[in-house]
Amino acid sequence: MIEFKKPQLSDMEWIKEAMHDSDAMACEYCFGNLYMWTEIYENTVANYNGVFIARDGTDRPMYLYPCGEGDKKAAIEELIKYSANDGWPLELYCLTPESVRELDSMFPDKFDYIEMREYFDYLYFSEDLGNLAGRKYHAKRNHISYFKKTFNWQYEKITKDNICDCYRMNEEWEKENKEYDDGSLTDELDAITRAFKNFDELGFVGGLIRVDGRVVAYTFGEPINDKVFCTHVEKAFADIRGAYPMINQQFCLNELMGYKYINREDDTGDEGLRQAKQSYYPAILLPKFRAVYKG
């Protein structure tokens, strides 16, 4: 029987181990990401004989495609029963093409697969984001050059000594953007607050940019595995030209060059965000699917 519970910091070790074993590149396979959004999405987790399962509890429940070294087929069979008791056919999310092939081999013609373009992850070579070499990054380099020539700036790694400055900057950023808020900014602030309170424990890595001592941009994330780092949050004041490309590049140069790829997550279907992510020319646009049980 599957028993779900809210994820706690004490669960981090075994969940990270299961996620690491999956060799996944998707942003959903990050414990810190799961933990910081737990209250908003009512996430719960379970260990089914060595298989990690996460449940999204809002509206119609969905389940992250399981990972770990246990019997994945047995875990999914149990999930089919569990979901049926809730009155729904099982729905799994965050399936890559490889996951689709695996699930279909275990359960031939038992699931419908739905492509979710708004949840495709954008992965970049760290060398590309750090060096911004070539004609395609000409505009990015111009913005960064302007920033460096115009402002008295400095980069810092986020630590317990300066994280409160990031929080104050984030509150200011939220106020400036509240006219566009549909509730998501409030949720995001709650998630970021949870992340900041447990920053070191969760293994987050972040950086900030100051101008004349004031934080004007910050970012943070965590490793998915030894090859891929996932950036969860990036904030900058839009009226400071070059602040966004500057924090992007400086964070990469100072903290992330040891990783092959940087996952900057999805675009949620927002056209402006999609254009911004495409302007950095992803090395991989990672497809994701949902699978709905047909039984």
Protein backbone atom coordinates (compact mmCIF):
# COMPACT_ATOMS: atom_id res chain seq x y z
CA MET A 1 0.00 0.00 0.00
CA ILE A 2 1.23 3.50 -0.84
CA GLU A 3 1.36 6.00 2.02
CA PHE A 4 1.86 9.65 1.08
CA LYS A 5 3.16 12.38 3.37
CA LYS A 6 4.45 15.93 3.10
CA PRO A 7 8.14 16.01 2.18
CA GLN A 8 10.42 16.95 5.07
CA LEU A 9 14.09 17.89 5.11
CA SER A 10 14.69 14.47 6.66
CA ASP A 11 13.45 12.91 3.39
CA MET A 12 16.00 14.75 1.29
CA GLU A 13 18.74 12.11 1.26
CA TRP A 14 16.70 9.16 0.01
CA ILE A 15 14.69 11.27 -2.46
CA LYS A 16 17.82 12.83 -3.94
CA GLU A 17 19.36 9.38 -4.26
CA ALA A 18 16.31 8.10 -6.15
CA MET A 19 16.27 11.16 -8.40
CA HIS A 20 19.99 10.87 -9.08
CA ASP A 21 19.62 7.20 -10.02
CA SER A 22 17.04 8.15 -12.64
CA ASP A 23 19.69 10.19 -14.53
CA ALA A 24 16.90 12.66 -15.31
CA MET A 25 17.50 16.12 -16.78
CA ALA A 26 14.04 17.56 -16.04
CA CYS A 27 13.56 20.28 -13.42
CA GLU A 28 10.90 18.27 -11.58
CA TYR A 29 13.59 15.86 -10.37
CA CYS A 30 15.05 18.32 -7.84
CA PHE A 31 14.26 17.88 -4.17
CA GLY A 32 14.68 21.59 -3.40
CA ASN A 33 12.24 22.54 -6.15
CA LEU A 34 9.71 20.06 -4.81
CA TYR A 35 10.20 21.23 -1.23
CA MET A 36 9.90 24.98 -1.86
CA TRP A 37 6.59 24.56 -3.75
CA THR A 38 5.08 21.95 -1.40
CA GLU A 39 2.61 24.26 0.32
CA ILE A 40 1.36 25.78 -2.93
CA TYR A 41 0.84 22.55 -4.85
CA GLU A 42 0.09 20.39 -1.81
CA ASN A 43 2.82 17.97 -2.83
CA THR A 44 3.15 14.70 -0.98
CA VAL A 45 5.70 11.92 -1.44
CA ALA A 46 5.97 8.19 -0.91
CA ASN A 47 8.63 5.49 -0.92
CA TYR A 48 7.18 2.36 -2.49
CA ASN A 49 9.78 -0.38 -2.05
CA GLY A 50 12.59 1.84 -3.27
CA VAL A 51 10.59 3.76 -5.88
CA PHE A 52 10.10 7.49 -5.32
CA ILE A 53 6.58 8.80 -6.02
CA ALA A 54 5.38 12.41 -5.76
CA ARG A 55 1.73 13.47 -5.81
CA ASP A 56 0.40 16.90 -6.81
CA GLY A 57 -2.64 17.35 -4.60
CA THR A 58 -4.38 20.34 -6.21
CA ASP A 59 -7.64 19.76 -8.09
CA ARG A 60 -7.33 16.43 -9.91
CA PRO A 61 -4.27 14.65 -8.44
CA MET A 62 -1.35 13.89 -10.74
CA TYR A 63 1.80 11.90 -10.11
CA LEU A 64 5.39 12.54 -11.11
CA TYR A 65 6.71 9.72 -13.26
CA PRO A 66 8.31 7.43 -10.66
CA CYS A 67 12.05 6.95 -10.28
CA GLY A 68 14.44 4.90 -8.18
CA GLU A 69 15.95 1.43 -8.15
CA GLY A 70 12.83 -0.46 -7.06
CA ASP A 71 10.20 -2.20 -9.20
CA LYS A 72 8.75 0.70 -11.17
CA LYS A 73 6.08 -1.43 -12.88
CA ALA A 74 4.78 -2.67 -9.53
CA ALA A 75 4.70 0.90 -8.22
CA ILE A 76 2.68 2.10 -11.22
CA GLU A 77 0.27 -0.82 -10.88
CA GLU A 78 -0.28 0.25 -7.28
CA LEU A 79 -0.76 3.85 -8.40
CA ILE A 80 -3.44 2.74 -10.87
CA LYS A 81 -5.39 1.21 -7.98
CA TYR A 82 -4.72 4.17 -5.69
CA SER A 83 -5.92 6.68 -8.26
CA ALA A 84 -9.02 4.62 -9.06
CA ASN A 85 -9.96 4.76 -5.37
CA ASP A 86 -9.81 8.57 -5.69
CA GLY A 87 -12.26 8.33 -8.59
CA TRP A 88 -9.77 9.21 -11.35
CA PRO A 89 -7.79 7.35 -13.96
CA LEU A 90 -4.10 7.56 -13.16
CA GLU A 91 -2.37 10.61 -14.68
CA LEU A 92 1.42 10.81 -14.73
CA TYR A 93 3.37 13.95 -15.62
CA CYS A 94 6.92 14.85 -16.63
CA LEU A 95 7.49 11.96 -19.01
CA THR A 96 10.38 12.47 -21.41
CA PRO A 97 10.41 10.53 -24.71
CA GLU A 98 12.55 7.92 -22.95
CA SER A 99 9.98 7.64 -20.15
CA VAL A 100 7.17 7.28 -22.69
CA ARG A 101 8.99 4.37 -24.32
CA GLU A 102 9.64 2.76 -20.94
CA LEU A 103 6.05 3.12 -19.74
CA ASP A 104 4.63 1.85 -23.03
CA SER A 105 6.88 -1.20 -22.88
CA MET A 106 5.61 -1.98 -19.36
CA PHE A 107 1.95 -1.22 -20.17
CA PRO A 108 1.41 -1.59 -23.94
CA ASP A 109 -1.50 0.51 -25.20
CA LYS A 110 -2.71 1.23 -21.65
CA PHE A 111 -1.94 4.96 -21.61
CA ASP A 112 -2.74 7.96 -23.77
CA TYR A 113 0.22 10.33 -24.19
CA ILE A 114 -0.25 14.10 -24.39
CA GLU A 115 2.55 16.44 -25.41
CA MET A 116 2.86 19.41 -23.01
CA ARG A 117 4.82 22.06 -24.95
CA GLU A 118 4.49 24.67 -22.18
CA TYR A 119 6.45 22.38 -19.84
CA PHE A 120 9.37 21.62 -22.16
CA ASP A 121 12.64 22.40 -20.34
CA TYR A 122 15.29 24.64 -21.88
CA LEU A 123 18.80 23.27 -21.40
CA TYR A 124 21.92 25.22 -22.39
CA PHE A 125 25.62 24.46 -22.53
CA SER A 126 27.27 26.19 -19.60
CA GLU A 127 30.04 27.33 -21.97
CA ASP A 128 27.45 29.12 -24.13
CA LEU A 129 25.88 31.00 -21.21
CA GLY A 130 29.23 31.83 -19.71
CA ASN A 131 31.09 32.95 -22.82
CA LEU A 132 28.24 34.27 -25.01
CA ALA A 133 30.50 33.78 -28.00
CA GLY A 134 29.49 34.32 -31.63
CA ARG A 135 27.16 36.58 -33.58
CA LYS A 136 23.99 35.06 -32.15
CA TYR A 137 24.84 36.49 -28.70
CA HIS A 138 25.80 39.94 -29.98
CA ALA A 139 22.78 41.67 -28.38
CA LYS A 140 23.40 39.97 -25.02
CA ARG A 141 27.03 41.14 -25.02
CA ASN A 142 25.94 44.69 -25.85
CA HIS A 143 23.58 44.81 -22.85
CA ILE A 144 26.29 43.41 -20.56
CA SER A 145 28.86 45.88 -21.90
CA TYR A 146 26.47 48.76 -21.22
CA PHE A 147 25.85 47.50 -17.68
CA LYS A 148 29.55 47.19 -16.89
CA LYS A 149 30.39 50.64 -18.26
CA THR A 150 27.42 52.40 -16.66
CA PHE A 151 27.13 51.00 -13.16
CA ASN A 152 29.33 50.52 -10.13
CA TRP A 153 28.60 46.83 -9.74
CA GLN A 154 29.81 43.71 -7.98
CA TYR A 155 28.90 40.02 -8.01
CA GLU A 156 28.52 37.96 -4.81
CA LYS A 157 27.69 34.35 -4.12
CA ILE A 158 24.58 34.08 -1.95
CA THR A 159 25.41 33.24 1.67
CA LYS A 160 23.69 33.50 5.04
CA ASP A 161 25.22 36.98 5.35
CA ASN A 162 23.56 38.48 2.25
CA ILE A 163 20.48 36.35 1.64
CA CYS A 164 18.31 38.84 3.55
CA ASP A 165 19.25 41.45 0.91
CA CYS A 166 17.92 39.13 -1.78
CA TYR A 167 14.67 38.76 0.11
CA ARG A 168 14.26 42.54 0.37
CA MET A 169 15.02 42.91 -3.33
CA ASN A 170 12.46 40.22 -4.12
CA GLU A 171 9.76 41.99 -2.10
CA GLU A 172 10.49 45.21 -3.99
CA TRP A 173 10.37 43.34 -7.30
CA GLU A 174 7.00 41.80 -6.38
CA LYS A 175 5.55 45.24 -5.56
CA GLU A 176 6.71 46.64 -8.89
CA ASN A 177 5.03 43.78 -10.75
CA LYS A 178 1.84 43.42 -8.68
CA GLU A 179 -0.33 44.88 -11.45
CA TYR A 180 0.39 41.73 -13.45
CA ASP A 181 -0.31 39.42 -10.52
CA ASP A 182 -3.00 36.78 -10.96
CA GLY A 183 -2.09 35.16 -7.67
CA SER A 184 1.02 33.48 -9.02
CA LEU A 185 3.38 36.16 -7.67
CA THR A 186 2.03 35.69 -4.16
CA ASP A 187 2.54 31.94 -4.48
CA GLU A 188 6.03 32.50 -5.83
CA LEU A 189 6.95 34.77 -2.93
CA ASP A 190 5.80 32.08 -0.50
CA ALA A 191 7.91 29.47 -2.31
CA ILE A 192 10.97 31.73 -2.40
CA THR A 193 10.58 32.53 1.31
CA ARG A 194 10.53 28.80 2.05
CA ALA A 195 13.63 28.36 -0.10
CA PHE A 196 15.52 31.19 1.61
CA LYS A 197 14.70 29.85 5.08
CA ASN A 198 16.25 26.48 4.19
CA PHE A 199 18.79 27.61 1.61
CA ASP A 200 21.90 25.84 2.89
CA GLU A 201 20.06 22.73 4.08
CA LEU A 202 18.57 22.25 0.60
CA GLY A 203 21.94 22.59 -1.08
CA PHE A 204 20.94 25.64 -3.11
CA VAL A 205 23.58 27.70 -4.90
CA GLY A 206 22.92 31.33 -5.81
CA GLY A 207 24.43 34.62 -6.84
CA LEU A 208 23.53 38.30 -6.75
CA ILE A 209 24.51 41.56 -8.41
CA ARG A 210 24.80 44.83 -6.51
CA VAL A 211 24.84 48.35 -7.94
CA ASP A 212 26.18 50.92 -5.49
CA GLY A 213 25.58 48.38 -2.74
CA ARG A 214 21.93 47.68 -3.63
CA VAL A 215 20.91 44.22 -4.85
CA VAL A 216 19.44 44.62 -8.35
CA ALA A 217 19.44 40.97 -9.42
CA TYR A 218 19.73 37.52 -7.91
CA THR A 219 19.32 33.89 -8.91
CA PHE A 220 19.57 30.42 -7.40
CA GLY A 221 19.08 26.74 -8.10
CA GLU A 222 20.49 23.29 -7.41
CA PRO A 223 22.19 20.38 -9.18
CA ILE A 224 19.99 17.74 -10.77
CA ASN A 225 23.00 15.48 -11.15
CA ASP A 226 26.73 15.79 -11.82
CA LYS A 227 26.12 17.03 -15.38
CA VAL A 228 23.07 19.27 -15.03
CA PHE A 229 22.38 22.30 -12.83
CA CYS A 230 18.83 23.63 -12.61
CA THR A 231 18.16 27.36 -12.15
CA HIS A 232 14.87 27.77 -10.27
CA VAL A 233 14.60 31.54 -9.77
CA GLU A 234 16.09 34.57 -11.51
CA LYS A 235 15.03 38.11 -10.65
CA ALA A 236 16.26 41.51 -11.84
CA PHE A 237 14.81 45.00 -12.06
CA ALA A 238 13.59 45.46 -15.62
CA ASP A 239 14.39 49.18 -15.65
CA ILE A 240 18.10 48.50 -15.15
CA ARG A 241 19.40 47.73 -18.62
CA GLY A 242 21.56 44.62 -18.71
CA ALA A 243 20.67 43.37 -15.24
CA TYR A 244 19.09 40.14 -16.47
CA PRO A 245 21.83 39.04 -18.90
CA MET A 246 24.44 40.17 -16.36
CA ILE A 247 23.19 37.96 -13.51
CA ASN A 248 22.69 35.09 -15.95
CA GLN A 249 26.28 35.26 -17.20
CA GLN A 250 28.00 36.08 -13.90
CA PHE A 251 26.23 33.26 -12.04
CA CYS A 252 27.27 30.84 -14.74
CA LEU A 253 30.89 32.03 -14.85
CA ASN A 254 31.34 32.05 -11.08
CA GLU A 255 29.39 28.97 -10.00
CA LEU A 256 28.32 26.69 -12.84
CA MET A 257 31.15 26.07 -15.29
CA GLY A 258 31.70 22.63 -13.77
CA TYR A 259 28.37 21.45 -15.20
CA LYS A 260 27.84 20.56 -18.84
CA TYR A 261 24.24 21.77 -18.97
CA ILE A 262 22.15 24.41 -17.25
CA ASN A 263 18.42 23.71 -17.12
CA ARG A 264 16.49 27.00 -17.01
CA GLU A 265 13.13 25.23 -16.70
CA ASP A 266 10.04 25.76 -18.86
CA ASP A 267 8.21 28.79 -20.25
CA THR A 268 4.73 27.93 -18.84
CA GLY A 269 3.28 28.81 -22.25
CA ASP A 270 4.04 32.52 -21.77
CA GLU A 271 5.04 33.93 -25.16
CA GLY A 272 7.35 36.61 -23.75
CA LEU A 273 9.15 34.12 -21.57
CA ARG A 274 9.40 31.70 -24.48
CA GLN A 275 11.07 34.31 -26.66
CA ALA A 276 13.48 35.21 -23.86
CA LYS A 277 14.51 31.59 -23.35
CA GLN A 278 14.84 30.96 -27.08
CA SER A 279 17.07 34.04 -27.41
CA TYR A 280 19.78 32.12 -25.52
CA TYR A 281 19.65 29.26 -28.07
CA PRO A 282 19.07 26.11 -26.01
CA ALA A 283 21.22 23.07 -26.71
CA ILE A 284 18.26 20.85 -25.78
CA LEU A 285 14.55 21.56 -25.73
CA LEU A 286 13.47 18.68 -23.51
CA PRO A 287 10.01 17.35 -24.47
CA LYS A 288 7.59 16.37 -21.74
CA PHE A 289 4.36 14.41 -21.87
CA ARG A 290 1.48 13.46 -19.65
CA ALA A 291 0.25 9.88 -19.59
CA VAL A 292 -3.40 9.10 -18.79
CA TYR A 293 -4.43 5.54 -17.98
CA LYS A 294 -7.08 4.17 -20.35
CA GLY A 295 -8.24 1.27 -18.19
